[in-house]
N, C-alpha and C. Protein backbone atom coordinates (compact mmCIF):
# COMPACT_ATOMS: atom_id res chain seq x y z
N MET A 1 -6.80 -0.74 27.36
CA MET A 1 -7.78 -0.52 25.82
C MET A 1 -7.46 0.51 25.38
N THR A 2 -7.40 0.69 24.23
CA THR A 2 -6.64 1.58 23.15
C THR A 2 -7.56 2.37 22.50
N PHE A 3 -7.69 3.22 22.77
CA PHE A 3 -8.56 5.02 22.69
C PHE A 3 -8.24 5.57 21.37
N PHE A 4 -9.21 5.62 20.30
CA PHE A 4 -8.88 6.20 18.63
C PHE A 4 -9.88 7.63 19.22
N SER A 5 -8.84 8.48 18.29
CA SER A 5 -9.54 10.05 18.21
C SER A 5 -10.15 9.67 16.95
N PRO A 6 -11.09 10.60 16.91
CA PRO A 6 -11.94 10.88 15.42
C PRO A 6 -11.03 11.17 14.40
N VAL A 7 -9.71 11.38 14.49
CA VAL A 7 -9.07 12.70 13.83
C VAL A 7 -8.23 10.97 13.38
N LYS A 8 -7.77 10.17 13.82
CA LYS A 8 -6.95 9.09 13.74
C LYS A 8 -8.07 7.83 13.15
N LEU A 9 -8.98 7.76 13.88
CA LEU A 9 -9.82 6.78 13.43
C LEU A 9 -10.05 6.95 11.49
N SER A 10 -10.76 8.29 11.34
CA SER A 10 -11.11 8.73 10.34
C SER A 10 -9.89 8.21 9.20
N ASP A 11 -8.52 9.22 9.49
CA ASP A 11 -7.54 8.51 8.96
C ASP A 11 -7.30 7.14 8.28
N LEU A 12 -7.45 6.64 9.57
CA LEU A 12 -7.46 4.77 9.28
C LEU A 12 -9.07 4.70 8.59
N ILE A 13 -10.02 5.20 8.45
CA ILE A 13 -10.72 4.62 7.51
C ILE A 13 -10.23 5.19 5.85
N GLN A 14 -9.62 6.33 5.99
CA GLN A 14 -9.38 6.73 4.56
C GLN A 14 -8.30 6.13 4.09
N SER A 15 -7.27 5.60 4.81
CA SER A 15 -6.28 4.66 4.30
C SER A 15 -6.40 3.53 3.39
N VAL A 16 -7.64 2.87 4.43
CA VAL A 16 -8.51 1.88 4.25
C VAL A 16 -9.13 1.65 2.65
N PHE A 17 -9.94 2.97 2.64
CA PHE A 17 -10.42 2.95 1.23
C PHE A 17 -9.82 3.40 0.40
N THR A 18 -8.81 4.57 -0.04
CA THR A 18 -7.55 4.72 -0.64
C THR A 18 -7.11 3.12 -1.25
N GLY A 19 -6.71 2.09 -0.17
CA GLY A 19 -6.06 0.88 -0.57
C GLY A 19 -6.92 0.15 -1.56
N PHE A 20 -8.26 -0.48 -0.86
CA PHE A 20 -9.60 -0.53 -2.17
C PHE A 20 -9.53 0.24 -3.66
N LYS A 21 -9.58 1.58 -3.36
CA LYS A 21 -9.75 2.44 -4.70
C LYS A 21 -8.87 1.10 -5.75
N SER A 22 -7.26 1.53 -4.39
CA SER A 22 -6.29 1.29 -5.51
C SER A 22 -6.20 -0.23 -6.39
N LYS A 23 -6.60 -0.89 -5.49
CA LYS A 23 -7.09 -2.03 -5.77
C LYS A 23 -8.07 -2.40 -6.71
N PHE A 24 -8.66 -1.45 -6.81
CA PHE A 24 -10.09 -1.85 -7.92
C PHE A 24 -9.65 -1.18 -9.04
N ASP A 25 -9.05 -0.26 -9.16
CA ASP A 25 -8.47 0.41 -9.98
C ASP A 25 -7.44 -0.30 -10.99
N LEU A 26 -6.12 -1.06 -9.87
CA LEU A 26 -5.80 -2.60 -10.86
C LEU A 26 -6.11 -3.12 -11.65
N LYS A 27 -7.89 -3.67 -10.85
CA LYS A 27 -8.74 -4.69 -11.63
C LYS A 27 -8.93 -4.25 -13.10
N GLU A 28 -9.85 -2.87 -12.70
CA GLU A 28 -9.93 -2.06 -14.22
C GLU A 28 -8.94 -2.34 -15.14
N LEU A 29 -8.12 -1.71 -14.75
CA LEU A 29 -6.88 -1.33 -15.77
C LEU A 29 -6.62 -2.90 -16.08
N LEU A 30 -6.84 -3.98 -15.12
CA LEU A 30 -6.55 -5.48 -16.01
C LEU A 30 -7.11 -6.19 -16.51
N PHE A 31 -8.25 -5.81 -16.84
CA PHE A 31 -10.03 -6.30 -17.47
C PHE A 31 -10.17 -5.56 -18.59
N TYR A 32 -9.70 -3.81 -18.46
CA TYR A 32 -9.87 -3.11 -19.36
C TYR A 32 -8.65 -3.19 -20.54
C-alpha cells in the first residue's frame, strides 16, 4: 500500500491540471 504525502499529492494534482490546461489551450488555438 503506497502512501502519498500531501506535497506529492498536490504536485500530482497540479501536474494533471496543467496538462488539462495545455490541452484546453491547444483546443482554443485550433478553434479560434
